[in-house]
């Protein structure tokens, strides 16, 4: 017996044997309340001796183990012992930040353990930046020379530069520039031309993205796009900005239109961006090191009076009304038709023939002149019956039959313009409902 008691392994094995075969030991004062788990059997002093012996011999060890478990925090329970820059468990922190993913961090020194960051990818590599970069816009499709109105360029360039040097200026700089004016006056296109000239890689959104079946999604999308523009600045060394086209179509109040929860959240998000342009959360806990680059924001729209008044106040938004002058229109249209061999005097005659028209009207003139040539090209390739096979089902080594663009003349442009004017008048003067119901009284 002394040999068993002095051998801790045999001691524990014998105790476990008696513990399992004598359930009545739960009558022991040390295990009060457990006797109901087993049927009553004859008691055994020896079994009680061994249980008490286990309890007494391991009392100090159990106390230490209990204290150790009490002191062990949740962040220490991960099977991966990597620590972040603050010394906390990295996987536990990722789990706590529900909107953060492991792939969104990549191998970033100071965030992930240096053992996993490595040197072969660089100390600050971001493994999914190529994915996020897709939301940015490049302007390779803008081939050729275009005219930019000086007043428009001065306003946009000044706004962008002011926001990039806001920390150097002893004045309040509005984060948002609102460009508004009549329809089809080239607000978005002129802005994109300025982006190309300045080498800016912007993030461009549309009013159609400001509504969702899930509450909060558009507001979160704006914050994500804003942070993406900030990452372009930080990771690529390029200037960037956030542009939202036709914002009044998504946030404006027209008549009795309904104000949705997403409208309210988007307005609140934009106001918060204006007030705190360097602290932008997408759901994770705030961290002192999470500072976002200040990114200028540009809106385009037709009527900003439909927007929420506190959003467009002077401290948050700088307004710019764009109405091109007659000289601006001549210069823009002349540059548009320059490659077609149309002289400036001929452009001036076309503009004077169709006054009070938006800039997109003169672009539609040129597009309309292609209609007759396209109809002839369809007949040359076999007619409408073979159009699908020719365009979509051809072999890879076959090319689409060559299309010869029409030669632009003043007469053809004037003919297209008169056709467009007739259609405009027909829409304004003809009420189809009256035509449908004209015989109702007969």
Protein backbone atom coordinates (compact mmCIF):
# COMPACT_ATOMS: atom_id res chain seq x y z
CA UNK A 1 0.00 0.00 0.00
CA UNK A 2 2.86 2.35 0.77
CA UNK A 3 4.35 1.59 -2.63
CA UNK A 4 1.03 2.49 -4.31
CA UNK A 5 0.56 5.67 -2.35
CA UNK A 6 4.11 6.80 -2.99
CA UNK A 7 3.78 6.14 -6.75
CA UNK A 8 1.61 8.96 -8.16
CA UNK A 9 0.74 7.02 -11.34
CA UNK A 10 -0.46 3.89 -9.49
CA UNK A 11 -2.12 6.11 -6.95
CA UNK A 12 -4.22 7.87 -9.58
CA UNK A 13 -5.08 4.62 -11.37
CA UNK A 14 -6.33 2.98 -8.18
CA UNK A 15 -8.31 6.07 -7.31
CA UNK A 16 -9.95 6.08 -10.71
CA UNK A 17 -10.85 2.37 -10.36
CA UNK A 18 -12.58 2.86 -7.03
CA UNK A 19 -14.17 6.09 -8.29
CA UNK A 20 -15.85 4.30 -11.18
CA UNK A 21 -16.90 1.15 -9.32
CA UNK A 22 -18.24 2.74 -6.15
CA UNK A 23 -20.76 5.45 -7.09
CA UNK A 24 -21.82 5.74 -3.48
CA UNK A 25 -18.69 7.77 -2.87
CA UNK A 26 -20.71 10.78 -4.05
CA UNK A 27 -22.11 10.76 -0.54
CA UNK A 28 -18.77 12.16 0.45
CA UNK A 29 -18.94 15.68 1.84
CA UNK A 30 -16.42 16.70 -0.79
CA UNK A 31 -18.89 15.76 -3.57
CA UNK A 32 -22.21 16.82 -2.14
CA UNK A 33 -25.08 16.92 -4.59
CA UNK A 34 -23.80 14.30 -7.01
CA UNK A 35 -25.21 11.12 -5.39
CA UNK A 36 -28.42 11.34 -7.41
CA UNK A 37 -26.49 10.58 -10.57
CA UNK A 38 -25.94 6.92 -9.65
CA UNK A 39 -27.99 4.22 -7.91
CA UNK A 40 -27.14 3.66 -4.31
CA UNK A 41 -24.73 0.87 -3.49
CA UNK A 42 -22.83 -0.17 -0.45
CA UNK A 43 -20.36 2.44 0.67
CA UNK A 44 -16.67 1.83 0.88
CA UNK A 45 -14.39 3.60 3.28
CA UNK A 46 -11.41 2.77 1.16
CA UNK A 47 -12.95 4.40 -1.87
CA UNK A 48 -13.66 7.49 0.15
CA UNK A 49 -10.09 7.36 1.37
CA UNK A 50 -8.75 7.35 -2.15
CA UNK A 51 -11.02 10.20 -3.26
CA UNK A 52 -10.06 12.29 -0.28
CA UNK A 53 -6.48 11.30 -0.88
CA UNK A 54 -6.68 12.55 -4.48
CA UNK A 55 -8.34 15.72 -3.35
CA UNK A 56 -5.75 16.39 -0.70
CA UNK A 57 -2.73 15.40 -2.72
CA UNK A 58 -3.69 17.46 -5.79
CA UNK A 59 -5.25 20.38 -3.96
CA UNK A 60 -2.35 22.71 -4.58
CA UNK A 61 -2.01 21.68 -8.23
CA UNK A 62 -5.73 22.13 -8.89
CA UNK A 63 -5.69 25.56 -7.33
CA UNK A 64 -2.79 26.64 -9.49
CA UNK A 65 -4.49 25.22 -12.62
CA UNK A 66 -7.72 26.98 -11.72
CA UNK A 67 -5.94 30.28 -11.20
CA UNK A 68 -4.10 29.85 -14.48
CA UNK A 69 -7.35 29.22 -16.35
CA UNK A 70 -9.00 32.20 -14.73
CA UNK A 71 -6.15 34.44 -15.80
CA UNK A 72 -6.16 33.04 -19.36
CA UNK A 73 -8.05 35.45 -21.58
CA UNK A 74 -10.02 34.57 -24.68
CA UNK A 75 -7.33 35.98 -26.94
CA UNK A 76 -4.91 33.39 -25.54
CA UNK A 77 -7.11 30.45 -26.55
CA UNK A 78 -6.21 30.52 -30.25
CA UNK A 79 -4.27 27.60 -31.64
CA UNK A 80 -2.18 30.11 -33.59
CA UNK A 81 0.00 32.24 -31.36
CA UNK A 82 0.68 35.06 -33.88
CA UNK A 83 0.42 38.51 -32.34
CA UNK A 84 -0.43 41.84 -33.91
CA UNK A 85 1.52 45.04 -33.40
CA UNK A 86 -0.21 45.60 -30.05
CA UNK A 87 0.64 42.12 -28.77
CA UNK A 88 -2.90 40.76 -29.05
CA UNK A 89 -3.90 37.49 -30.65
CA UNK A 90 -4.20 38.11 -34.40
CA UNK A 91 -6.86 35.53 -35.27
CA UNK A 92 -9.03 36.53 -32.34
CA UNK A 93 -8.89 40.15 -33.44
CA UNK A 94 -9.89 39.19 -36.99
CA UNK A 95 -12.84 37.24 -35.65
CA UNK A 96 -13.94 40.15 -33.50
CA UNK A 97 -13.80 42.50 -36.48
CA UNK A 98 -16.60 40.79 -38.36
CA UNK A 99 -16.20 42.81 -41.57
CA UNK A 100 -12.47 42.23 -41.80
CA UNK A 101 -11.04 39.21 -43.60
CA UNK A 102 -7.61 37.68 -43.52
CA UNK A 103 -7.13 38.29 -47.25
CA UNK A 104 -7.91 41.98 -46.79
CA UNK A 105 -4.75 42.43 -44.74
CA UNK A 106 -2.17 40.47 -46.69
CA UNK A 107 1.43 40.49 -45.50
CA UNK A 108 1.58 43.82 -43.74
CA UNK A 109 4.45 44.51 -41.38
CA UNK A 110 3.33 45.61 -37.95
CA UNK A 111 -0.10 44.02 -38.36
CA UNK A 112 0.76 40.37 -38.83
CA UNK A 113 3.66 38.60 -37.19
CA UNK A 114 6.97 39.21 -38.98
CA UNK A 115 7.41 35.46 -39.39
CA UNK A 116 4.41 35.42 -41.72
CA UNK A 117 4.98 38.79 -43.39
CA UNK A 118 8.33 37.79 -44.86
CA UNK A 119 10.49 39.86 -47.15
CA UNK A 120 9.84 38.26 -50.53
CA UNK A 121 6.48 40.04 -51.00
CA UNK A 122 7.65 43.31 -49.56
CA UNK A 123 6.99 44.62 -46.10
CA UNK A 124 3.67 46.17 -47.03
CA UNK A 125 2.18 43.97 -49.74
CA UNK A 126 -1.60 43.73 -50.11
CA UNK A 127 -2.65 40.46 -51.72
CA UNK A 128 -6.13 41.62 -52.79
CA UNK A 129 -5.40 45.16 -53.92
CA UNK A 130 -5.65 44.02 -57.55
CA UNK A 131 -9.26 43.06 -56.83
CA UNK A 132 -10.10 46.35 -55.16
CA UNK A 133 -8.36 48.25 -57.93
CA UNK A 134 -11.08 47.20 -60.38
CA UNK A 135 -13.43 49.84 -59.01
CA UNK A 136 -11.07 52.60 -60.13
CA UNK A 137 -11.36 54.17 -63.56
CA UNK A 138 -8.73 54.69 -66.21
CA UNK A 139 -9.24 56.70 -69.37
CA UNK A 140 -7.46 54.85 -72.15
CA UNK A 141 -10.66 55.04 -74.20
CA UNK A 142 -10.38 58.85 -74.36
CA UNK A 143 -8.18 58.90 -77.44
CA UNK A 144 -7.54 62.18 -79.20
CA UNK A 145 -7.49 65.81 -78.23
CA UNK A 146 -10.50 67.32 -76.48
CA UNK A 147 -11.29 70.83 -75.36
CA UNK A 148 -11.61 71.57 -71.64
CA UNK A 149 -13.35 74.78 -70.66
CA UNK A 150 -10.88 76.93 -68.64
CA UNK A 151 -13.45 77.91 -65.99
CA UNK A 152 -14.41 74.27 -65.48
CA UNK A 153 -10.82 73.15 -65.22
CA UNK A 154 -9.87 75.88 -62.78
CA UNK A 155 -12.69 74.94 -60.42
CA UNK A 156 -12.06 71.18 -60.43
CA UNK A 157 -8.25 71.41 -60.23
CA UNK A 158 -8.39 73.98 -57.44
CA UNK A 159 -10.79 71.81 -55.41
CA UNK A 160 -8.62 68.69 -55.78
CA UNK A 161 -5.39 70.50 -54.92
CA UNK A 162 -6.93 72.27 -51.90
CA UNK A 163 -7.98 68.94 -50.42
CA UNK A 164 -4.57 67.38 -50.91
CA UNK A 165 -2.86 70.28 -49.12
CA UNK A 166 -5.65 70.95 -46.61
CA UNK A 167 -3.28 70.21 -43.72
CA UNK A 168 -1.06 73.07 -44.88
CA UNK A 169 -3.85 75.63 -45.17
CA UNK A 170 -5.08 77.63 -42.24
CA UNK A 171 -8.68 77.54 -43.43
CA UNK A 172 -11.68 75.25 -43.70
CA UNK A 173 -11.63 73.27 -46.96
CA UNK A 174 -14.91 71.69 -48.09
CA UNK A 175 -14.46 68.02 -48.96
CA UNK A 176 -17.18 67.95 -51.64
CA UNK A 177 -17.44 69.85 -54.91
CA UNK A 178 -20.94 69.84 -56.37
CA UNK A 179 -21.06 70.48 -60.13
CA UNK A 180 -24.61 71.12 -61.27
CA UNK A 181 -26.34 72.51 -64.32
CA UNK A 182 -28.52 71.64 -67.28
CA UNK A 183 -28.79 68.19 -68.79
CA UNK A 184 -26.25 67.08 -71.35
CA UNK A 185 -23.81 69.93 -70.76
CA UNK A 186 -20.78 67.66 -70.41
CA UNK A 187 -20.29 67.87 -66.64
CA UNK A 188 -19.12 64.26 -66.25
CA UNK A 189 -17.14 64.21 -69.50
CA UNK A 190 -15.29 67.45 -68.77
CA UNK A 191 -14.43 66.14 -65.30
CA UNK A 192 -13.05 62.89 -66.75
CA UNK A 193 -10.93 64.87 -69.21
CA UNK A 194 -9.45 66.77 -66.27
CA UNK A 195 -8.75 63.48 -64.47
CA UNK A 196 -6.88 62.24 -67.53
CA UNK A 197 -4.89 65.46 -67.82
CA UNK A 198 -3.90 65.35 -64.13
CA UNK A 199 -3.12 61.63 -64.10
CA UNK A 200 -5.81 60.94 -61.49
CA UNK A 201 -7.21 57.43 -61.06
CA UNK A 202 -10.64 58.07 -59.55
CA UNK A 203 -13.34 55.85 -58.08
CA UNK A 204 -16.58 56.68 -59.92
CA UNK A 205 -20.03 55.79 -58.66
CA UNK A 206 -23.53 56.33 -59.99
CA UNK A 207 -26.81 57.28 -58.34
CA UNK A 208 -28.06 53.79 -59.20
CA UNK A 209 -25.77 52.36 -56.50
CA UNK A 210 -27.35 54.43 -53.72
CA UNK A 211 -30.27 52.09 -53.12
CA UNK A 212 -30.38 48.46 -51.96
CA UNK A 213 -32.85 45.94 -50.59
CA UNK A 214 -30.69 45.76 -47.45
CA UNK A 215 -30.49 48.72 -45.13
CA UNK A 216 -27.05 50.26 -44.80
CA UNK A 217 -25.46 48.70 -47.88
CA UNK A 218 -25.17 51.89 -49.99
CA UNK A 219 -23.68 53.84 -47.07
CA UNK A 220 -21.14 51.10 -46.48
CA UNK A 221 -20.38 51.00 -50.21
CA UNK A 222 -19.57 54.71 -50.22
CA UNK A 223 -17.20 54.28 -47.28
CA UNK A 224 -15.53 51.29 -48.97
CA UNK A 225 -15.09 53.22 -52.22
CA UNK A 226 -13.68 56.17 -50.30
CA UNK A 227 -11.14 53.91 -48.58
CA UNK A 228 -10.29 52.31 -51.94
CA UNK A 229 -9.43 55.74 -53.33
CA UNK A 230 -7.27 56.28 -50.25
CA UNK A 231 -5.45 53.00 -50.94
CA UNK A 232 -4.73 54.14 -54.50
CA UNK A 233 -2.91 57.13 -53.02
CA UNK A 234 -1.09 55.07 -50.40
CA UNK A 235 -0.17 51.98 -52.40
CA UNK A 236 0.24 53.31 -55.94
CA UNK A 237 1.38 56.86 -55.32
CA UNK A 238 -1.31 58.21 -57.65
CA UNK A 239 -3.81 60.95 -57.00
CA UNK A 240 -7.39 59.76 -56.65
CA UNK A 241 -10.84 61.04 -55.75
CA UNK A 242 -14.39 59.78 -55.29
CA UNK A 243 -16.94 60.90 -57.89
CA UNK A 244 -20.70 60.27 -57.72
CA UNK A 245 -22.63 61.06 -60.89
CA UNK A 246 -26.26 62.27 -60.93
CA UNK A 247 -26.48 62.27 -57.16
CA UNK A 248 -29.74 64.21 -57.15
CA UNK A 249 -31.39 61.33 -59.01
CA UNK A 250 -30.56 59.03 -56.11
CA UNK A 251 -30.92 61.36 -53.11
CA UNK A 252 -33.17 64.15 -54.38
CA UNK A 253 -36.75 64.66 -53.25
CA UNK A 254 -39.12 65.06 -56.19
CA UNK A 255 -42.77 65.74 -55.42
CA UNK A 256 -44.06 62.99 -53.16
CA UNK A 257 -41.15 60.57 -53.55
CA UNK A 258 -40.45 58.38 -50.56
CA UNK A 259 -37.43 58.92 -48.34
CA UNK A 260 -35.93 55.50 -47.59
CA UNK A 261 -33.68 54.39 -44.77
CA UNK A 262 -30.83 54.01 -47.27
CA UNK A 263 -31.33 57.63 -48.41
CA UNK A 264 -30.95 58.77 -44.83
CA UNK A 265 -27.90 56.60 -44.19
CA UNK A 266 -26.20 57.77 -47.42
CA UNK A 267 -26.81 61.43 -46.52
CA UNK A 268 -25.48 60.81 -43.01
CA UNK A 269 -22.44 58.98 -44.40
CA UNK A 270 -21.60 61.84 -46.77
CA UNK A 271 -22.00 64.39 -43.99
CA UNK A 272 -19.75 62.33 -41.74
CA UNK A 273 -17.12 62.04 -44.49
CA UNK A 274 -17.14 65.81 -44.84
CA UNK A 275 -16.67 66.30 -41.10
CA UNK A 276 -14.16 63.45 -40.55
CA UNK A 277 -12.40 62.77 -43.87
CA UNK A 278 -9.52 60.82 -42.30
CA UNK A 279 -11.52 58.55 -39.96
CA UNK A 280 -13.70 56.27 -42.08
CA UNK A 281 -15.04 53.03 -40.63
CA UNK A 282 -16.46 50.14 -42.62
CA UNK A 283 -17.60 48.24 -39.53
CA UNK A 284 -14.45 47.32 -37.67
CA UNK A 285 -13.38 48.63 -34.29
CA UNK A 286 -11.72 52.03 -34.27
CA UNK A 287 -7.96 51.87 -34.08
CA UNK A 288 -5.66 54.78 -33.48
CA UNK A 289 -3.45 53.72 -36.38
CA UNK A 290 -6.39 53.49 -38.82
CA UNK A 291 -6.04 56.91 -40.46
CA UNK A 292 -7.33 57.35 -44.01
CA UNK A 293 -5.91 59.76 -46.54
CA UNK A 294 -8.13 62.75 -47.22
CA UNK A 295 -9.78 62.15 -50.58
CA UNK A 296 -11.65 64.90 -52.47
CA UNK A 297 -15.25 64.09 -53.42
CA UNK A 298 -17.03 65.39 -56.55
CA UNK A 299 -20.78 65.29 -57.23
CA UNK A 300 -22.56 65.94 -60.51
CA UNK A 301 -26.26 66.64 -60.82
CA UNK A 302 -28.95 68.79 -62.36
CA UNK A 303 -30.75 70.28 -59.37
CA UNK A 304 -29.08 70.35 -55.96
CA UNK A 305 -32.07 72.12 -54.39
CA UNK A 306 -33.65 68.67 -54.10
CA UNK A 307 -30.87 67.47 -51.77
CA UNK A 308 -30.86 67.58 -47.98
CA UNK A 309 -29.96 71.17 -47.04
CA UNK A 310 -27.31 70.42 -44.33
CA UNK A 311 -25.41 68.25 -46.81
CA UNK A 312 -24.97 71.08 -49.32
CA UNK A 313 -24.11 73.83 -46.84
CA UNK A 314 -20.97 75.81 -47.63
CA UNK A 315 -18.83 74.18 -44.95
CA UNK A 316 -19.30 70.73 -46.50
CA UNK A 317 -19.89 71.33 -50.21
CA UNK A 318 -18.58 73.90 -52.63
CA UNK A 319 -21.08 74.50 -55.43
CA UNK A 320 -20.24 75.18 -59.08
CA UNK A 321 -22.95 75.94 -61.61
CA UNK A 322 -21.83 74.89 -65.09
CA UNK A 323 -23.46 76.59 -68.04
CA UNK A 324 -21.11 76.64 -71.05
CA UNK A 325 -20.90 79.91 -72.91
CA UNK A 326 -21.36 80.21 -76.65
CA UNK A 327 -17.57 80.31 -77.02
CA UNK A 328 -17.18 77.15 -74.90
CA UNK A 329 -19.72 75.33 -77.08
CA UNK A 330 -17.96 76.41 -80.28
CA UNK A 331 -14.58 75.24 -78.98
CA UNK A 332 -15.90 71.88 -77.73
CA UNK A 333 -17.87 71.10 -80.90
CA UNK A 334 -15.01 72.28 -83.13
CA UNK A 335 -12.64 69.87 -81.38
CA UNK A 336 -15.29 67.15 -81.76
CA UNK A 337 -15.58 67.62 -85.55
CA UNK A 338 -11.97 68.55 -86.21
CA UNK A 339 -10.94 65.01 -87.20
CA UNK A 340 -13.82 64.89 -89.73
CA UNK A 341 -12.46 67.84 -91.68
CA UNK A 342 -15.19 70.29 -90.61
CA UNK A 343 -13.83 73.83 -90.36
CA UNK A 344 -14.50 76.17 -87.46
CA UNK A 345 -16.68 78.43 -89.62
CA UNK A 346 -18.81 75.43 -90.58
CA UNK A 347 -19.06 74.41 -86.91
CA UNK A 348 -20.21 77.92 -86.05
CA UNK A 349 -22.92 77.75 -88.71
CA UNK A 350 -24.16 74.43 -87.30
CA UNK A 351 -24.23 75.76 -83.72
CA UNK A 352 -26.06 78.90 -84.82
CA UNK A 353 -28.58 76.83 -86.79
CA UNK A 354 -29.53 74.89 -83.66
CA UNK A 355 -29.29 77.38 -80.76
CA UNK A 356 -30.18 76.65 -77.14
CA UNK A 357 -29.22 72.99 -77.48
CA UNK A 358 -27.16 71.00 -74.99
CA UNK A 359 -23.70 69.80 -75.90
CA UNK A 360 -24.84 66.20 -76.26
CA UNK A 361 -27.12 67.34 -79.12
CA UNK A 362 -24.11 68.09 -81.32
CA UNK A 363 -22.63 64.71 -80.51
CA UNK A 364 -25.94 63.08 -81.50
CA UNK A 365 -25.75 64.81 -84.89
CA UNK A 366 -22.59 62.96 -85.76
CA UNK A 367 -24.00 59.65 -84.48
CA UNK A 368 -27.16 60.07 -86.59
CA UNK A 369 -25.13 60.45 -89.80
CA UNK A 370 -23.88 56.88 -89.32
CA UNK A 371 -27.36 55.36 -89.58
CA UNK A 372 -27.53 55.29 -93.39
CA UNK A 373 -24.02 53.83 -93.70
CA UNK A 374 -24.79 51.12 -91.13
CA UNK A 375 -27.97 50.12 -93.01
CA UNK A 376 -25.96 49.78 -96.22
CA UNK A 377 -23.29 47.74 -94.38
CA UNK A 378 -25.96 45.32 -93.09
CA UNK A 379 -27.19 44.74 -96.65
CA UNK A 380 -23.64 44.16 -97.87
CA UNK A 381 -22.96 41.38 -95.32
CA UNK A 382 -26.08 39.39 -96.23
CA UNK A 383 -29.01 41.23 -94.67
CA UNK A 384 -30.66 41.01 -91.29
CA UNK A 385 -31.23 37.24 -91.62
CA UNK A 386 -27.50 36.52 -91.50
CA UNK A 387 -26.60 39.27 -89.06
CA UNK A 388 -26.36 37.00 -86.00
CA UNK A 389 -24.12 34.47 -87.74
CA UNK A 390 -21.86 37.20 -89.08
CA UNK A 391 -21.42 39.06 -85.79
CA UNK A 392 -21.50 36.25 -83.21
CA UNK A 393 -21.01 32.82 -84.78
CA UNK A 394 -18.02 33.45 -87.01
CA UNK A 395 -14.82 31.47 -86.61
CA UNK A 396 -11.94 32.98 -84.68
CA UNK A 397 -9.90 33.38 -87.84
CA UNK A 398 -12.72 35.31 -89.52
CA UNK A 399 -12.96 39.06 -89.18
CA UNK A 400 -16.08 41.16 -89.19
CA UNK A 401 -16.55 42.73 -92.62
CA UNK A 402 -14.95 46.15 -92.73
CA UNK A 403 -17.20 49.11 -92.03
CA UNK A 404 -16.35 52.32 -93.82
CA UNK A 405 -17.49 55.36 -91.82
CA UNK A 406 -19.37 58.02 -93.75
CA UNK A 407 -17.71 61.25 -94.79
CA UNK A 408 -19.03 64.04 -92.64
CA UNK A 409 -20.46 67.04 -94.43
CA UNK A 410 -22.28 70.11 -93.22
CA UNK A 411 -25.35 69.11 -95.24
CA UNK A 412 -25.50 65.66 -93.62
CA UNK A 413 -25.08 67.15 -90.13
CA UNK A 414 -27.82 69.73 -90.74
CA UNK A 415 -30.14 67.01 -92.03
CA UNK A 416 -29.52 64.94 -88.88
CA UNK A 417 -30.09 68.01 -86.72
CA UNK A 418 -33.45 68.78 -88.31
CA UNK A 419 -34.49 65.16 -87.77
CA UNK A 420 -33.61 65.37 -84.07
CA UNK A 421 -35.48 68.69 -83.70
CA UNK A 422 -38.63 67.14 -85.20
CA UNK A 423 -38.47 64.29 -82.72
CA UNK A 424 -38.02 66.69 -79.79
CA UNK A 425 -41.08 68.69 -80.84
CA UNK A 426 -43.12 65.54 -81.40
CA UNK A 427 -42.47 64.39 -77.85
CA UNK A 428 -43.37 67.78 -76.36
CA UNK A 429 -46.48 68.41 -78.47
CA UNK A 430 -48.01 64.96 -78.86
CA UNK A 431 -49.90 63.48 -75.95
CA UNK A 432 -50.25 59.81 -76.78
CA UNK A 433 -52.93 59.35 -74.14
CA UNK A 434 -55.15 61.70 -76.11
CA UNK A 435 -54.51 59.69 -79.26
CA UNK A 436 -55.44 56.48 -77.48
CA UNK A 437 -58.65 57.93 -76.09
CA UNK A 438 -59.74 60.20 -78.97
CA UNK A 439 -62.64 57.95 -79.99
CA UNK A 440 -63.98 57.32 -76.50
CA UNK A 441 -66.80 59.88 -76.90
CA UNK A 442 -67.88 58.69 -80.37
